[in-house]
Structures are given as structure tokens and as C-alpha cells.
PDB file of N, CA and C in Angstrom:
ATOM      1  N   MET A   1    -236.119 -42.414  -2.566  1.00  0.00           N
ATOM      2  CA  MET A   1    -236.571 -41.063  -2.312  1.00  0.00           C
ATOM      3  C   MET A   1    -235.955 -40.127  -3.350  1.00  0.00           C
ATOM      4  N   ARG A   2    -236.749 -39.179  -3.806  1.00  0.00           N
ATOM      5  CA  ARG A   2    -236.264 -38.172  -4.759  1.00  0.00           C
ATOM      6  C   ARG A   2    -236.479 -36.788  -4.172  1.00  0.00           C
ATOM      7  N   PHE A   3    -235.516 -35.905  -4.442  1.00  0.00           N
ATOM      8  CA  PHE A   3    -235.566 -34.535  -3.933  1.00  0.00           C
ATOM      9  C   PHE A   3    -235.373 -33.558  -5.086  1.00  0.00           C
ATOM     10  N   VAL A   4    -235.869 -32.349  -4.895  1.00  0.00           N
ATOM     11  CA  VAL A   4    -235.618 -31.245  -5.829  1.00  0.00           C
ATOM     12  C   VAL A   4    -235.022 -30.088  -5.037  1.00  0.00           C
ATOM     13  N   THR A   5    -234.223 -29.282  -5.710  1.00  0.00           N
ATOM     14  CA  THR A   5    -233.622 -28.117  -5.071  1.00  0.00           C
ATOM     15  C   THR A   5    -234.668 -27.023  -4.936  1.00  0.00           C
ATOM     16  N   ALA A   6    -234.947 -26.629  -3.716  1.00  0.00           N
ATOM     17  CA  ALA A   6    -235.911 -25.561  -3.466  1.00  0.00           C
ATOM     18  C   ALA A   6    -235.212 -24.213  -3.353  1.00  0.00           C
ATOM     19  N   SER A   7    -233.967 -24.242  -2.848  1.00  0.00           N
ATOM     20  CA  SER A   7    -233.224 -23.002  -2.658  1.00  0.00           C
ATOM     21  C   SER A   7    -231.736 -23.313  -2.753  1.00  0.00           C
ATOM     22  N   LEU A   8    -230.989 -22.409  -3.392  1.00  0.00           N
ATOM     23  CA  LEU A   8    -229.546 -22.561  -3.490  1.00  0.00           C
ATOM     24  C   LEU A   8    -228.906 -21.187  -3.408  1.00  0.00           C
ATOM     25  N   LYS A   9    -228.074 -20.985  -2.388  1.00  0.00           N
ATOM     26  CA  LYS A   9    -227.350 -19.721  -2.210  1.00  0.00           C
ATOM     27  C   LYS A   9    -225.875 -20.026  -2.368  1.00  0.00           C
ATOM     28  N   VAL A  10    -225.174 -19.261  -3.196  1.00  0.00           N
ATOM     29  CA  VAL A  10    -223.758 -19.486  -3.436  1.00  0.00           C
ATOM     30  C   VAL A  10    -222.986 -18.197  -3.171  1.00  0.00           C
ATOM     31  N   ASP A  11    -221.902 -18.312  -2.412  1.00  0.00           N
ATOM     32  CA  ASP A  11    -220.964 -17.206  -2.205  1.00  0.00           C
ATOM     33  C   ASP A  11    -219.692 -17.552  -2.964  1.00  0.00           C
ATOM     34  N   TYR A  12    -219.347 -16.724  -3.931  1.00  0.00           N
ATOM     35  CA  TYR A  12    -218.148 -16.935  -4.745  1.00  0.00           C
ATOM     36  C   TYR A  12    -216.981 -16.244  -4.046  1.00  0.00           C
ATOM     37  N   LEU A  13    -215.973 -17.028  -3.673  1.00  0.00           N
ATOM     38  CA  LEU A  13    -214.871 -16.514  -2.872  1.00  0.00           C
ATOM     39  C   LEU A  13    -213.655 -16.132  -3.701  1.00  0.00           C
ATOM     40  N   ARG A  14    -213.421 -16.850  -4.803  1.00  0.00           N
ATOM     41  CA  ARG A  14    -212.266 -16.568  -5.669  1.00  0.00           C
ATOM     42  C   ARG A  14    -212.540 -17.209  -7.024  1.00  0.00           C
ATOM     43  N   PRO A  15    -211.819 -16.794  -8.051  1.00  0.00           N
ATOM     44  CA  PRO A  15    -212.015 -17.411  -9.365  1.00  0.00           C
ATOM     45  C   PRO A  15    -211.735 -18.922  -9.303  1.00  0.00           C
ATOM     46  N   THR A  16    -212.518 -19.676 -10.038  1.00  0.00           N
ATOM     47  CA  THR A  16    -212.344 -21.129 -10.082  1.00  0.00           C
ATOM     48  C   THR A  16    -211.568 -21.492 -11.336  1.00  0.00           C
ATOM     49  N   PRO A  17    -210.386 -22.084 -11.180  1.00  0.00           N
ATOM     50  CA  PRO A  17    -209.596 -22.451 -12.360  1.00  0.00           C
ATOM     51  C   PRO A  17    -210.285 -23.565 -13.154  1.00  0.00           C
ATOM     52  N   ILE A  18    -210.013 -23.611 -14.445  1.00  0.00           N
ATOM     53  CA  ILE A  18    -210.617 -24.629 -15.302  1.00  0.00           C
ATOM     54  C   ILE A  18    -209.596 -25.679 -15.732  1.00  0.00           C
ATOM     55  N   ASP A  19    -208.389 -25.632 -15.181  1.00  0.00           N
ATOM     56  CA  ASP A  19    -207.319 -26.514 -15.646  1.00  0.00           C
ATOM     57  C   ASP A  19    -207.070 -27.713 -14.729  1.00  0.00           C
ATOM     58  N   GLY A  20    -208.047 -28.108 -13.953  1.00  0.00           N
ATOM     59  CA  GLY A  20    -207.831 -29.246 -13.072  1.00  0.00           C
ATOM     60  C   GLY A  20    -209.134 -29.765 -12.505  1.00  0.00           C
ATOM     61  N   GLU A  21    -208.989 -30.716 -11.605  1.00  0.00           N
ATOM     62  CA  GLU A  21    -210.167 -31.303 -10.975  1.00  0.00           C
ATOM     63  C   GLU A  21    -210.787 -30.348  -9.969  1.00  0.00           C
ATOM     64  N   LEU A  22    -212.099 -30.436  -9.875  1.00  0.00           N
ATOM     65  CA  LEU A  22    -212.847 -29.687  -8.866  1.00  0.00           C
ATOM     66  C   LEU A  22    -213.384 -30.690  -7.860  1.00  0.00           C
ATOM     67  N   GLU A  23    -213.464 -30.271  -6.616  1.00  0.00           N
ATOM     68  CA  GLU A  23    -214.003 -31.127  -5.569  1.00  0.00           C
ATOM     69  C   GLU A  23    -215.196 -30.423  -4.939  1.00  0.00           C
ATOM     70  N   VAL A  24    -216.324 -31.113  -4.902  1.00  0.00           N
ATOM     71  CA  VAL A  24    -217.524 -30.588  -4.252  1.00  0.00           C
ATOM     72  C   VAL A  24    -217.789 -31.461  -3.036  1.00  0.00           C
ATOM     73  N   ARG A  25    -217.941 -30.824  -1.900  1.00  0.00           N
ATOM     74  CA  ARG A  25    -218.254 -31.536  -0.657  1.00  0.00           C
ATOM     75  C   ARG A  25    -219.544 -30.995  -0.078  1.00  0.00           C
ATOM     76  N   GLY A  26    -220.347 -31.893   0.434  1.00  0.00           N
ATOM     77  CA  GLY A  26    -221.590 -31.504   1.074  1.00  0.00           C
ATOM     78  C   GLY A  26    -221.694 -32.097   2.456  1.00  0.00           C
ATOM     79  N   GLU A  27    -222.272 -31.340   3.361  1.00  0.00           N
ATOM     80  CA  GLU A  27    -222.491 -31.817   4.727  1.00  0.00           C
ATOM     81  C   GLU A  27    -223.948 -31.544   5.091  1.00  0.00           C
ATOM     82  N   ILE A  28    -224.632 -32.582   5.501  1.00  0.00           N
ATOM     83  CA  ILE A  28    -226.027 -32.426   5.897  1.00  0.00           C
ATOM     84  C   ILE A  28    -226.075 -31.655   7.215  1.00  0.00           C
ATOM     85  N   VAL A  29    -226.845 -30.569   7.207  1.00  0.00           N
ATOM     86  CA  VAL A  29    -226.963 -29.703   8.376  1.00  0.00           C
ATOM     87  C   VAL A  29    -228.219 -30.034   9.173  1.00  0.00           C
ATOM     88  N   GLU A  30    -229.309 -30.319   8.445  1.00  0.00           N
ATOM     89  CA  GLU A  30    -230.585 -30.559   9.116  1.00  0.00           C
ATOM     90  C   GLU A  30    -231.447 -31.475   8.250  1.00  0.00           C
ATOM     91  N   VAL A  31    -232.136 -32.407   8.898  1.00  0.00           N
ATOM     92  CA  VAL A  31    -233.052 -33.310   8.199  1.00  0.00           C
ATOM     93  C   VAL A  31    -234.414 -33.197   8.856  1.00  0.00           C
ATOM     94  N   LYS A  32    -235.410 -32.883   8.043  1.00  0.00           N
ATOM     95  CA  LYS A  32    -236.799 -32.843   8.492  1.00  0.00           C
ATOM     96  C   LYS A  32    -237.581 -33.809   7.607  1.00  0.00           C
ATOM     97  N   PRO A  33    -238.827 -34.101   7.935  1.00  0.00           N
ATOM     98  CA  PRO A  33    -239.565 -35.086   7.147  1.00  0.00           C
ATOM     99  C   PRO A  33    -239.623 -34.787   5.633  1.00  0.00           C
ATOM    100  N   ARG A  34    -239.744 -33.532   5.247  1.00  0.00           N
ATOM    101  CA  ARG A  34    -239.847 -33.194   3.823  1.00  0.00           C
ATOM    102  C   ARG A  34    -238.687 -32.352   3.310  1.00  0.00           C
ATOM    103  N   LYS A  35    -237.759 -31.971   4.187  1.00  0.00           N
ATOM    104  CA  LYS A  35    -236.743 -31.004   3.797  1.00  0.00           C
ATOM    105  C   LYS A  35    -235.380 -31.390   4.360  1.00  0.00           C
ATOM    106  N   VAL A  36    -234.347 -31.222   3.529  1.00  0.00           N
ATOM    107  CA  VAL A  36    -232.972 -31.460   3.961  1.00  0.00           C
ATOM    108  C   VAL A  36    -232.171 -30.198   3.654  1.00  0.00           C
ATOM    109  N   THR A  37    -231.375 -29.749   4.616  1.00  0.00           N
ATOM    110  CA  THR A  37    -230.508 -28.590   4.433  1.00  0.00           C
ATOM    111  C   THR A  37    -229.071 -29.086   4.350  1.00  0.00           C
ATOM    112  N   VAL A  38    -228.342 -28.620   3.328  1.00  0.00           N
ATOM    113  CA  VAL A  38    -226.978 -29.076   3.084  1.00  0.00           C
ATOM    114  C   VAL A  38    -226.052 -27.872   2.945  1.00  0.00           C
ATOM    115  N   SER A  39    -224.886 -27.959   3.574  1.00  0.00           N
ATOM    116  CA  SER A  39    -223.830 -26.961   3.418  1.00  0.00           C
ATOM    117  C   SER A  39    -222.843 -27.518   2.394  1.00  0.00           C
ATOM    118  N   LEU A  40    -222.423 -26.692   1.423  1.00  0.00           N
ATOM    119  CA  LEU A  40    -221.584 -27.158   0.316  1.00  0.00           C
ATOM    120  C   LEU A  40    -220.323 -26.323   0.180  1.00  0.00           C
ATOM    121  N   SER A  41    -219.271 -26.948  -0.353  1.00  0.00           N
ATOM    122  CA  SER A  41    -218.074 -26.193  -0.705  1.00  0.00           C
ATOM    123  C   SER A  41    -217.519 -26.734  -2.024  1.00  0.00           C
ATOM    124  N   LEU A  42    -216.944 -25.838  -2.811  1.00  0.00           N
ATOM    125  CA  LEU A  42    -216.308 -26.181  -4.086  1.00  0.00           C
ATOM    126  C   LEU A  42    -214.847 -25.776  -3.980  1.00  0.00           C
ATOM    127  N   SER A  43    -213.943 -26.734  -4.204  1.00  0.00           N
ATOM    128  CA  SER A  43    -212.504 -26.476  -4.091  1.00  0.00           C
ATOM    129  C   SER A  43    -211.793 -26.825  -5.386  1.00  0.00           C
ATOM    130  N   ALA A  44    -210.696 -26.109  -5.634  1.00  0.00           N
ATOM    131  CA  ALA A  44    -209.802 -26.398  -6.753  1.00  0.00           C
ATOM    132  C   ALA A  44    -208.379 -26.220  -6.251  1.00  0.00           C
ATOM    133  N   HIS A  45    -207.534 -27.179  -6.548  1.00  0.00           N
ATOM    134  CA  HIS A  45    -206.130 -27.120  -6.124  1.00  0.00           C
ATOM    135  C   HIS A  45    -206.012 -26.897  -4.620  1.00  0.00           C
ATOM    136  N   GLY A  46    -206.938 -27.467  -3.842  1.00  0.00           N
ATOM    137  CA  GLY A  46    -206.877 -27.362  -2.387  1.00  0.00           C
ATOM    138  C   GLY A  46    -207.404 -26.073  -1.798  1.00  0.00           C
ATOM    139  N   GLU A  47    -207.898 -25.168  -2.629  1.00  0.00           N
ATOM    140  CA  GLU A  47    -208.436 -23.897  -2.135  1.00  0.00           C
ATOM    141  C   GLU A  47    -209.941 -23.831  -2.372  1.00  0.00           C
ATOM    142  N   VAL A  48    -210.673 -23.382  -1.358  1.00  0.00           N
ATOM    143  CA  VAL A  48    -212.124 -23.247  -1.489  1.00  0.00           C
ATOM    144  C   VAL A  48    -212.427 -22.037  -2.366  1.00  0.00           C
ATOM    145  N   CYS A  49    -213.160 -22.269  -3.440  1.00  0.00           N
ATOM    146  CA  CYS A  49    -213.505 -21.205  -4.393  1.00  0.00           C
ATOM    147  C   CYS A  49    -214.929 -20.688  -4.189  1.00  0.00           C
ATOM    148  N   ALA A  50    -215.792 -21.550  -3.641  1.00  0.00           N
ATOM    149  CA  ALA A  50    -217.183 -21.148  -3.426  1.00  0.00           C
ATOM    150  C   ALA A  50    -217.760 -21.958  -2.276  1.00  0.00           C
ATOM    151  N   ARG A  51    -218.705 -21.341  -1.581  1.00  0.00           N
ATOM    152  CA  ARG A  51    -219.457 -22.016  -0.516  1.00  0.00           C
ATOM    153  C   ARG A  51    -220.936 -21.849  -0.828  1.00  0.00           C
ATOM    154  N   GLY A  52    -221.708 -22.843  -0.452  1.00  0.00           N
ATOM    155  CA  GLY A  52    -223.129 -22.773  -0.741  1.00  0.00           C
ATOM    156  C   GLY A  52    -223.975 -23.339   0.378  1.00  0.00           C
ATOM    157  N   HIS A  53    -225.253 -23.056   0.273  1.00  0.00           N
ATOM    158  CA  HIS A  53    -226.255 -23.525   1.227  1.00  0.00           C
ATOM    159  C   HIS A  53    -227.467 -23.926   0.404  1.00  0.00           C
ATOM    160  N   MET A  54    -227.877 -25.190   0.520  1.00  0.00           N
ATOM    161  CA  MET A  54    -228.975 -25.699  -0.305  1.00  0.00           C
ATOM    162  C   MET A  54    -230.076 -26.272   0.570  1.00  0.00           C
ATOM    163  N   ILE A  55    -231.313 -26.036   0.142  1.00  0.00           N
ATOM    164  CA  ILE A  55    -232.462 -26.686   0.753  1.00  0.00           C
ATOM    165  C   ILE A  55    -233.094 -27.564  -0.318  1.00  0.00           C
ATOM    166  N   ALA A  56    -233.202 -28.857  -0.008  1.00  0.00           N
ATOM    167  CA  ALA A  56    -233.821 -29.811  -0.918  1.00  0.00           C
ATOM    168  C   ALA A  56    -235.134 -30.284  -0.312  1.00  0.00           C
ATOM    169  N   VAL A  57    -236.154 -30.402  -1.155  1.00  0.00           N
ATOM    170  CA  VAL A  57    -237.482 -30.817  -0.699  1.00  0.00           C
ATOM    171  C   VAL A  57    -237.802 -32.171  -1.321  1.00  0.00           C
ATOM    172  N   ARG A  58    -238.304 -33.064  -0.503  1.00  0.00           N
ATOM    173  CA  ARG A  58    -238.641 -34.412  -0.964  1.00  0.00           C
ATOM    174  C   ARG A  58    -239.893 -34.386  -1.821  1.00  0.00           C
ATOM    175  N   LEU A  59    -239.823 -35.086  -2.945  1.00  0.00           N
ATOM    176  CA  LEU A  59    -241.004 -35.236  -3.791  1.00  0.00           C
ATOM    177  C   LEU A  59    -241.936 -36.266  -3.177  1.00  0.00           C
ATOM    178  N   PRO A  60    -243.223 -36.099  -3.361  1.00  0.00           N
ATOM    179  CA  PRO A  60    -244.158 -37.107  -2.870  1.00  0.00           C
ATOM    180  C   PRO A  60    -243.882 -38.449  -3.568  1.00  0.00           C
ATOM    181  N   ASP A  61    -244.150 -39.540  -2.886  1.00  0.00           N
ATOM    182  CA  ASP A  61    -243.926 -40.866  -3.472  1.00  0.00           C
ATOM    183  C   ASP A  61    -244.680 -41.047  -4.781  1.00  0.00           C
ATOM    184  N   SER A  62    -245.833 -40.438  -4.916  1.00  0.00           N
ATOM    185  CA  SER A  62    -246.618 -40.561  -6.146  1.00  0.00           C
ATOM    186  C   SER A  62    -245.915 -39.928  -7.342  1.00  0.00           C
ATOM    187  N   ALA A  63    -245.018 -38.941  -7.105  1.00  0.00           N
ATOM    188  CA  ALA A  63    -244.291 -38.284  -8.191  1.00  0.00           C
ATOM    189  C   ALA A  63    -243.047 -39.066  -8.592  1.00  0.00           C
ATOM    190  N   ALA A  64    -242.610 -40.013  -7.767  1.00  0.00           N
ATOM    191  CA  ALA A  64    -241.380 -40.748  -8.033  1.00  0.00           C
ATOM    192  C   ALA A  64    -241.456 -41.576  -9.309  1.00  0.00           C
ATOM    193  N   GLY A  65    -242.627 -42.067  -9.666  1.00  0.00           N
ATOM    194  CA  GLY A  65    -242.765 -42.889 -10.860  1.00  0.00           C
ATOM    195  C   GLY A  65    -243.016 -42.097 -12.131  1.00  0.00           C
ATOM    196  N   GLN A  66    -243.255 -40.796 -12.008  1.00  0.00           N
ATOM    197  CA  GLN A  66    -243.546 -39.954 -13.167  1.00  0.00           C
ATOM    198  C   GLN A  66    -242.267 -39.368 -13.729  1.00  0.00           C
ATOM    199  N   GLN A  67    -242.183 -39.243 -15.047  1.00  0.00           N
ATOM    200  CA  GLN A  67    -241.027 -38.619 -15.665  1.00  0.00           C
ATOM    201  C   GLN A  67    -241.428 -37.787 -16.845  1.00  0.00           C
TER     202      GLN A  67
END
């Protein structure tokens, strides 16, 4: 299955440092036949720097072979 991002909302909570590893975590909130909603967070040094909400839409099977 392939998905594309239909919507992405990001709330920036604090500056994100560039001197270390970043951790992105996602949690599936809702699954429908063509749509998945995911809650996201971006952390650096153990502190959440941004939170997001994404809606992904499934591509039709016929589009999976096209590039």
C-alpha cells in the first residue's frame, strides 16, 4: 500500500537544535479505508520541539505501479 500526505499541520514549540539526533514519533489516531490520521512529535535532547497532525490518503492500487 502507498500513501500520500493530504494534510500536515505543525505546531512549533521551541527552537530545534542542530547539534544532535532528532527523534520523530508517530501514533496512529484513526484508520479508515482510504485515510489514516497520525499524531506526530519531534524531540531533541529529550524535549519536544514540535507536534504535528497528518492525514495520509491511500493511493489507488492502479497508481502503485506508476512512477
